[in-house]
Amino acid sequence: MTGFLRKLLAVLVLLWTAGTAVAQDLRIVTVERPPFAMKQGDDFNGFSIDLWNAVAEDLGRTSSFEMVGGFGEMLGHIRNGTRDAAVANISITAEREEVLDFSHTIFESGLQIMIPNDGQDSLLINALISRDVAMFIGLAFLTLFGGGMLMWAMERRAQPYFDRPAREAMFPSFWWALNLVVNGGFEERVPRTFFGRIFAVLLVISSLFIVSIFVAKITAVMTVDAIQGSVNSVNDLYGKRVATIQGSTSERFLLDRDLDIETYADLDSLLRDFEGGNVEAVVFDAPVLAFYVNNQGSGDAMLVGSPFRRESYGFALPSNSPLVEPVNRSLLKLRENGTYDRIYRRYFGAQN
C-alpha cells in the first residue's frame, strides 16, 4: 500500500508540474507605439501585439502583457532576462544585438520627418503683412494719389470728370489713376490737355514697372520665408527645434550628424509639445508618424520627404533565449499561410 501511495503521489506531482508549466504565461513587455503596440482599457492590440499573439498561438503558449513608460525600460527587462520578449517597433541594430537576441524581421521601416502643416496660405499672409511689402504698398498708394491729383490740376478746366473742388476730387482722381494703371484708363475720360496726355502716357508706361516690382517683391518675400521656414530634408533641420525619442535609433542618427535635438522619454509628451508649437520638427519611425498624421493628429501635421535610414523591426528576446528558434519558425509559417498579410492589412492596408 505504501508503494502504491508513493507512486500515486509521484504521478500527481508530475501532473501538477506539467500543468503549471503549460499554464505559465510568456511575460511580454511593450510600450505605447501606435499602430504597433496600443492599450485600450485592459486590452492590448496593434500590429506587433497581434503578430506576437499569432506566434504564441502557433506555439501553444499564452502571453501576459505589461506596458512600461519607455524604450530603455522595456529593453532593460529583456537584457536582464526578467521578461520573455519585448514587442513593439523595435529596430534590429548591431549595438542591441550584442546584448539581446532578435527574431526574424517582422516589419521593414525607416525614419521620416514630421513638421507643422502651416500650408502655403500662411506664406502668402506673412508676405502681405511683412514690413517691406507694406511699405511698398503704401508708396504705391501715395504715388497713385499724387498722380491723380496732379492730373486733376492739369485737367480740371478741360475734362468734366475732374471739374470739381479739390476736396471732392481726391477719391475720383485716385480712382482714375488706379484704373489707368490696372485697366489702361477710361476711354470716355481721355485727357484733353497736352500736358495731361503726356502725363497719362508716362503713368501707363510706369505702371508696367510698378506692377512687375510689386509681384516680384511679394514673390521674393514668400521665397525667403519658404527657405527660412520650411523643412524638406535632414539638411534643413540645422538651427531648428528638433525632437525625437530618447534611446531610439532616430536619436543616434541625429546625434551622429551633430544636430541639436530635444529628446523625450515617451511619444505622448513629445506629441504634446509638438502640438503646442514647442517643436519645429520631429524625426522618428515613419509608420508611427504616419499613423499619427492620418489618425490621431488634428490636421496640423504633415510628413515631408521619403523615409530614410532603412531599418528592420523584430521581436527582442533575452540573449540565448530558447524561444528564438521556435518564434522564427512560427514567423515563417505565418508568412506562408497568409496570417502575416492579414494582420498587416488590418493596420497598414495592402502592401506595395
Protein backbone atom coordinates (compact mmCIF):
# COMPACT_ATOMS: atom_id res chain seq x y z
CA MET A 1 0.00 0.00 0.00
CA THR A 2 2.86 2.30 0.86
CA GLY A 3 4.48 1.73 -2.54
CA PHE A 4 1.19 2.43 -4.30
CA LEU A 5 0.77 5.70 -2.40
CA ARG A 6 4.29 6.76 -3.31
CA LYS A 7 3.65 6.09 -6.99
CA LEU A 8 0.32 7.90 -6.86
CA LEU A 9 1.93 10.88 -5.16
CA ALA A 10 4.71 10.95 -7.75
CA VAL A 11 2.20 10.88 -10.60
CA LEU A 12 0.20 13.71 -9.01
CA VAL A 13 3.35 15.82 -8.53
CA LEU A 14 4.34 15.18 -12.16
CA LEU A 15 0.92 16.14 -13.44
CA TRP A 16 0.86 19.27 -11.30
CA THR A 17 4.31 20.31 -12.51
CA ALA A 18 3.43 19.72 -16.15
CA GLY A 19 0.14 21.59 -15.78
CA THR A 20 1.91 24.51 -14.17
CA ALA A 21 4.48 24.62 -16.99
CA VAL A 22 1.79 24.60 -19.67
CA ALA A 23 -0.31 27.23 -17.90
CA GLN A 24 2.64 29.58 -17.38
CA ASP A 25 2.26 32.72 -19.49
CA LEU A 26 5.04 34.20 -21.59
CA ARG A 27 5.86 37.54 -19.97
CA ILE A 28 5.79 40.21 -22.68
CA VAL A 29 6.82 43.83 -22.18
CA THR A 30 5.88 46.64 -24.54
CA VAL A 31 5.49 50.42 -24.88
CA GLU A 32 2.75 52.60 -26.36
CA ARG A 33 3.62 52.90 -30.04
CA PRO A 34 0.55 53.15 -32.31
CA PRO A 35 -0.05 51.29 -34.55
CA PHE A 36 2.43 48.65 -33.36
CA ALA A 37 1.52 48.45 -29.69
CA MET A 38 -1.52 50.04 -28.02
CA LYS A 39 -3.52 49.57 -24.87
CA GLN A 40 -7.26 50.23 -24.70
CA GLY A 41 -8.56 49.55 -21.23
CA ASP A 42 -7.23 46.12 -20.33
CA ASP A 43 -6.80 45.05 -23.96
CA PHE A 44 -3.52 45.16 -25.85
CA ASN A 45 -3.51 45.39 -29.63
CA GLY A 46 -1.54 46.70 -32.56
CA PHE A 47 0.39 45.16 -35.42
CA SER A 48 3.25 43.79 -33.30
CA ILE A 49 0.93 42.66 -30.49
CA ASP A 50 -1.41 40.83 -32.86
CA LEU A 51 1.50 39.21 -34.68
CA TRP A 52 3.02 38.03 -31.39
CA ASN A 53 -0.33 36.59 -30.29
CA ALA A 54 -0.47 34.65 -33.58
CA VAL A 55 3.05 33.34 -32.92
CA ALA A 56 2.19 32.37 -29.34
CA GLU A 57 -0.97 30.60 -30.51
CA ASP A 58 1.06 28.66 -33.06
CA LEU A 59 3.47 27.66 -30.28
CA GLY A 60 0.64 26.65 -27.97
CA ARG A 61 1.56 29.32 -25.43
CA THR A 62 -0.31 32.18 -23.80
CA SER A 63 1.06 35.64 -23.10
CA SER A 64 0.63 38.28 -20.44
CA PHE A 65 1.46 41.84 -21.46
CA GLU A 66 2.92 44.69 -19.45
CA MET A 67 3.24 48.24 -20.79
CA VAL A 68 6.13 50.34 -19.48
CA GLY A 69 6.95 54.01 -19.91
CA GLY A 70 9.93 53.97 -22.24
CA PHE A 71 12.09 52.02 -24.66
CA GLY A 72 15.04 51.93 -22.28
CA GLU A 73 12.98 50.34 -19.52
CA MET A 74 11.45 47.85 -21.95
CA LEU A 75 14.78 46.69 -23.38
CA GLY A 76 16.29 46.69 -19.88
CA HIS A 77 13.82 43.96 -18.86
CA ILE A 78 14.95 41.85 -21.82
CA ARG A 79 18.63 42.48 -21.19
CA ASN A 80 18.20 41.40 -17.56
CA GLY A 81 16.09 38.39 -18.50
CA THR A 82 13.13 39.42 -16.34
CA ARG A 83 10.73 39.20 -19.31
CA ASP A 84 10.49 36.68 -22.12
CA ALA A 85 10.14 39.08 -25.04
CA ALA A 86 9.70 42.74 -25.97
CA VAL A 87 7.12 43.56 -28.63
CA ALA A 88 6.77 46.96 -30.32
CA ASN A 89 8.53 48.83 -33.16
CA ILE A 90 11.98 47.59 -32.10
CA SER A 91 14.74 48.24 -34.62
CA ILE A 92 17.30 45.50 -35.08
CA THR A 93 20.73 47.09 -34.63
CA ALA A 94 24.26 45.77 -34.18
CA GLU A 95 24.54 47.52 -30.81
CA ARG A 96 21.39 45.89 -29.48
CA GLU A 97 22.33 42.52 -30.97
CA GLU A 98 25.36 42.44 -28.66
CA VAL A 99 23.17 42.13 -25.56
CA LEU A 100 19.86 40.83 -26.95
CA ASP A 101 18.58 38.28 -29.42
CA PHE A 102 16.16 39.19 -32.17
CA SER A 103 13.59 37.31 -34.18
CA HIS A 104 13.43 37.43 -37.94
CA THR A 105 12.33 40.76 -39.38
CA ILE A 106 8.64 41.46 -38.81
CA PHE A 107 8.45 44.90 -40.49
CA GLU A 108 10.59 46.99 -42.86
CA SER A 109 10.62 50.65 -41.92
CA GLY A 110 12.68 53.82 -41.87
CA LEU A 111 12.85 57.27 -40.31
CA GLN A 112 10.88 60.29 -41.51
CA ILE A 113 10.42 63.95 -40.69
CA MET A 114 7.15 65.47 -39.43
CA ILE A 115 6.57 69.23 -39.34
CA PRO A 116 3.61 71.53 -38.59
CA ASN A 117 1.22 71.82 -41.52
CA ASP A 118 1.34 75.61 -41.92
CA GLY A 119 0.41 75.44 -45.60
CA GLN A 120 1.01 77.89 -48.42
CA ASP A 121 -1.68 80.30 -47.21
CA SER A 122 0.45 81.32 -44.24
CA LEU A 123 3.37 82.10 -46.54
CA LEU A 124 1.15 84.46 -48.57
CA ILE A 125 -0.24 86.11 -45.43
CA ASN A 126 3.25 86.55 -43.99
CA ALA A 127 4.35 88.07 -47.26
CA LEU A 128 1.44 90.52 -47.37
CA ILE A 129 1.92 91.68 -43.78
CA SER A 130 5.70 91.93 -43.99
CA ARG A 131 7.26 95.36 -43.39
CA ASP A 132 8.85 95.62 -46.83
CA VAL A 133 5.66 94.79 -48.72
CA ALA A 134 3.59 97.09 -46.50
CA MET A 135 5.98 99.98 -47.25
CA PHE A 136 5.82 99.23 -50.98
CA ILE A 137 2.01 99.15 -50.95
CA GLY A 138 1.92 102.45 -49.06
CA LEU A 139 4.31 104.03 -51.57
CA ALA A 140 2.16 102.74 -54.45
CA PHE A 141 -0.97 104.32 -52.94
CA LEU A 142 0.81 107.64 -52.42
CA THR A 143 2.08 107.56 -56.00
CA LEU A 144 -1.40 106.86 -57.40
CA PHE A 145 -2.97 109.52 -55.19
CA GLY A 146 -0.34 112.11 -56.13
CA GLY A 147 -0.59 111.24 -59.82
CA GLY A 148 -4.38 111.51 -59.71
CA MET A 149 -4.30 114.91 -58.03
CA LEU A 150 -1.67 116.13 -60.46
CA MET A 151 -3.91 115.05 -63.34
CA TRP A 152 -6.80 116.91 -61.63
CA ALA A 153 -4.70 120.07 -61.55
CA MET A 154 -3.98 119.79 -65.29
CA GLU A 155 -7.41 118.64 -66.47
CA ARG A 156 -9.94 120.24 -64.11
CA ARG A 157 -10.82 123.00 -66.56
CA ALA A 158 -10.74 120.79 -69.68
CA GLN A 159 -12.26 117.46 -68.56
CA PRO A 160 -15.72 117.36 -66.90
CA TYR A 161 -14.69 114.34 -64.81
CA PHE A 162 -12.09 116.47 -62.99
CA ASP A 163 -14.20 119.63 -62.85
CA ARG A 164 -14.82 119.67 -59.08
CA PRO A 165 -13.27 121.20 -55.97
CA ALA A 166 -10.03 119.65 -54.62
CA ARG A 167 -11.75 118.08 -51.57
CA GLU A 168 -14.30 116.35 -53.77
CA ALA A 169 -11.72 115.40 -56.40
CA MET A 170 -9.45 113.34 -54.10
CA PHE A 171 -11.09 109.94 -54.50
CA PRO A 172 -12.24 110.35 -58.16
CA SER A 173 -8.69 111.38 -59.10
CA PHE A 174 -7.17 108.47 -57.21
CA TRP A 175 -9.73 106.12 -58.81
CA TRP A 176 -8.86 107.45 -62.27
CA ALA A 177 -5.13 106.86 -61.68
CA LEU A 178 -5.78 103.36 -60.31
CA ASN A 179 -7.88 102.40 -63.35
CA LEU A 180 -5.26 103.87 -65.65
CA VAL A 181 -2.59 101.64 -64.10
CA VAL A 182 -4.71 98.49 -63.86
CA ASN A 183 -7.03 98.74 -66.89
CA GLY A 184 -5.40 101.32 -69.11
CA GLY A 185 -7.82 104.07 -68.15
CA PHE A 186 -11.36 105.18 -69.14
CA GLU A 187 -11.98 105.72 -72.83
CA GLU A 188 -14.55 108.43 -72.12
CA ARG A 189 -12.17 110.23 -69.76
CA VAL A 190 -9.15 110.63 -72.04
CA PRO A 191 -7.04 113.63 -71.00
CA ARG A 192 -7.67 116.68 -73.18
CA THR A 193 -4.74 118.95 -72.37
CA PHE A 194 -1.30 118.46 -73.88
CA PHE A 195 0.48 118.01 -70.56
CA GLY A 196 -2.36 115.80 -69.27
CA ARG A 197 -1.92 113.39 -72.18
CA ILE A 198 1.89 113.30 -71.76
CA PHE A 199 1.50 112.60 -68.06
CA ALA A 200 -1.11 109.87 -68.68
CA VAL A 201 1.21 108.09 -71.12
CA LEU A 202 4.02 108.24 -68.57
CA LEU A 203 1.69 106.77 -65.94
CA VAL A 204 0.70 103.87 -68.21
CA ILE A 205 4.33 103.07 -69.04
CA SER A 206 5.47 103.38 -65.42
CA SER A 207 2.57 101.17 -64.29
CA LEU A 208 4.17 98.22 -66.09
CA PHE A 209 7.20 98.59 -63.84
CA ILE A 210 5.11 99.23 -60.72
CA VAL A 211 3.06 96.04 -61.13
CA SER A 212 6.16 93.99 -62.01
CA ILE A 213 8.06 95.26 -58.97
CA PHE A 214 5.05 94.62 -56.72
CA VAL A 215 4.68 90.99 -57.89
CA ALA A 216 8.44 90.44 -57.67
CA LYS A 217 8.53 91.84 -54.14
CA ILE A 218 5.80 89.52 -52.85
CA THR A 219 7.40 86.55 -54.62
CA ALA A 220 10.78 87.37 -53.11
CA VAL A 221 9.39 87.64 -49.58
CA MET A 222 7.48 84.37 -49.97
CA THR A 223 10.60 82.66 -51.32
CA VAL A 224 12.71 83.87 -48.42
CA ASP A 225 10.04 82.78 -45.91
CA ALA A 226 9.86 79.37 -47.58
CA ILE A 227 13.64 78.95 -47.49
CA GLN A 228 13.90 80.06 -43.87
CA GLY A 229 10.80 78.31 -42.56
CA SER A 230 10.39 75.05 -44.45
CA VAL A 231 11.95 71.65 -43.85
CA ASN A 232 12.29 69.24 -46.75
CA SER A 233 15.24 67.06 -45.76
CA VAL A 234 17.65 66.29 -42.92
CA ASN A 235 19.91 69.11 -44.09
CA ASP A 236 17.12 71.61 -43.32
CA LEU A 237 16.98 70.57 -39.65
CA TYR A 238 20.05 72.55 -38.59
CA GLY A 239 19.02 75.53 -36.49
CA LYS A 240 15.51 74.11 -35.93
CA ARG A 241 13.96 72.78 -32.72
CA VAL A 242 14.11 69.06 -33.50
CA ALA A 243 12.68 66.36 -31.23
CA THR A 244 12.83 62.59 -31.05
CA ILE A 245 12.53 59.73 -28.54
CA GLN A 246 15.32 59.08 -26.08
CA GLY A 247 17.25 55.88 -26.75
CA SER A 248 15.78 55.42 -30.24
CA THR A 249 17.67 54.79 -33.45
CA SER A 250 16.49 58.22 -34.63
CA GLU A 251 18.32 59.84 -31.67
CA ARG A 252 21.57 58.13 -32.64
CA PHE A 253 21.06 59.12 -36.30
CA LEU A 254 20.57 62.81 -35.42
CA LEU A 255 23.44 62.93 -32.93
CA ASP A 256 25.79 61.40 -35.49
CA ARG A 257 25.01 64.41 -37.70
CA ASP A 258 25.73 66.91 -34.91
CA LEU A 259 22.15 68.14 -34.75
CA ASP A 260 21.00 69.90 -31.60
CA ILE A 261 17.94 67.90 -30.52
CA GLU A 262 15.44 67.57 -27.70
CA THR A 263 14.76 64.02 -26.53
CA TYR A 264 11.60 62.77 -24.83
CA ALA A 265 11.09 59.69 -22.69
CA ASP A 266 7.78 58.85 -24.35
CA LEU A 267 5.85 59.62 -27.51
CA ASP A 268 2.87 61.25 -25.76
CA SER A 269 4.94 64.03 -24.20
CA LEU A 270 6.76 64.64 -27.49
CA LEU A 271 3.49 64.97 -29.41
CA ARG A 272 2.06 67.31 -26.76
CA ASP A 273 4.99 69.69 -27.20
CA PHE A 274 4.73 69.38 -30.98
CA GLU A 275 1.03 70.26 -30.88
CA GLY A 276 1.81 73.14 -28.51
CA GLY A 277 4.23 74.68 -31.01
CA ASN A 278 7.36 73.99 -28.94
CA VAL A 279 8.83 71.66 -31.58
CA GLU A 280 9.51 72.60 -35.21
CA ALA A 281 10.28 69.10 -36.49
CA VAL A 282 10.01 65.52 -35.26
CA VAL A 283 12.25 62.73 -36.54
CA PHE A 284 11.09 59.23 -35.70
CA ASP A 285 9.86 55.94 -37.17
CA ALA A 286 7.97 56.62 -40.40
CA PRO A 287 4.95 54.32 -39.78
CA VAL A 288 4.43 55.71 -36.25
CA LEU A 289 4.44 59.30 -37.52
CA ALA A 290 2.22 58.37 -40.49
CA PHE A 291 -0.32 56.80 -38.13
CA TYR A 292 -0.36 59.96 -36.02
CA VAL A 293 -0.78 62.26 -39.04
CA ASN A 294 -3.56 60.16 -40.58
CA ASN A 295 -5.45 59.03 -37.48
CA GLN A 296 -4.58 60.98 -34.35
CA GLY A 297 -3.45 64.45 -35.43
CA SER A 298 -5.84 67.34 -35.94
CA GLY A 299 -4.63 68.11 -39.45
CA ASP A 300 -1.86 70.38 -38.17
CA ALA A 301 0.96 67.96 -39.01
CA MET A 302 2.47 66.68 -42.25
CA LEU A 303 5.24 64.32 -43.33
CA VAL A 304 7.97 65.63 -45.63
CA GLY A 305 10.34 63.75 -47.85
CA SER A 306 10.64 59.99 -48.18
CA PRO A 307 11.63 57.60 -45.38
CA PHE A 308 15.40 57.39 -44.93
CA ARG A 309 17.83 55.21 -42.99
CA ARG A 310 16.04 51.98 -43.75
CA GLU A 311 15.75 49.62 -40.77
CA SER A 312 14.03 46.41 -39.76
CA TYR A 313 11.85 45.68 -36.74
CA GLY A 314 11.87 42.43 -34.82
CA PHE A 315 10.83 40.85 -31.54
CA ALA A 316 13.54 41.30 -28.88
CA LEU A 317 14.35 38.32 -26.64
CA PRO A 318 16.95 37.72 -23.91
CA SER A 319 20.34 36.56 -25.11
CA ASN A 320 20.40 32.78 -25.73
CA SER A 321 16.63 32.56 -25.25
CA PRO A 322 15.21 29.12 -26.09
CA LEU A 323 12.30 30.93 -27.77
CA VAL A 324 14.34 32.35 -30.66
CA GLU A 325 14.19 29.33 -32.96
CA PRO A 326 10.53 28.40 -32.25
CA VAL A 327 9.48 32.02 -32.77
CA ASN A 328 11.38 32.28 -36.05
CA ARG A 329 9.90 29.05 -37.37
CA SER A 330 6.45 30.28 -36.43
CA LEU A 331 7.02 33.63 -38.18
CA LEU A 332 7.97 31.80 -41.36
CA LYS A 333 4.84 29.68 -41.10
CA LEU A 334 2.63 32.76 -40.58
CA ARG A 335 4.05 34.39 -43.71
CA GLU A 336 3.45 31.23 -45.74
CA ASN A 337 -0.14 30.66 -44.62
CA GLY A 338 -1.23 34.30 -45.10
CA THR A 339 -1.71 35.18 -41.42
CA TYR A 340 1.03 37.81 -41.53
CA ASP A 341 -0.56 39.51 -44.57
CA ARG A 342 -3.99 39.61 -42.90
CA ILE A 343 -2.55 41.28 -39.80
CA TYR A 344 -0.54 43.72 -41.94
CA ARG A 345 -3.63 44.78 -43.93
CA ARG A 346 -5.53 45.35 -40.69
CA TYR A 347 -3.21 48.22 -39.76
CA PHE A 348 -1.48 49.38 -42.94
CA GLY A 349 -3.68 48.34 -45.85
CA ALA A 350 -2.40 46.39 -48.84
CA GLN A 351 1.35 46.02 -49.14
CA ASN A 352 3.06 47.85 -52.00
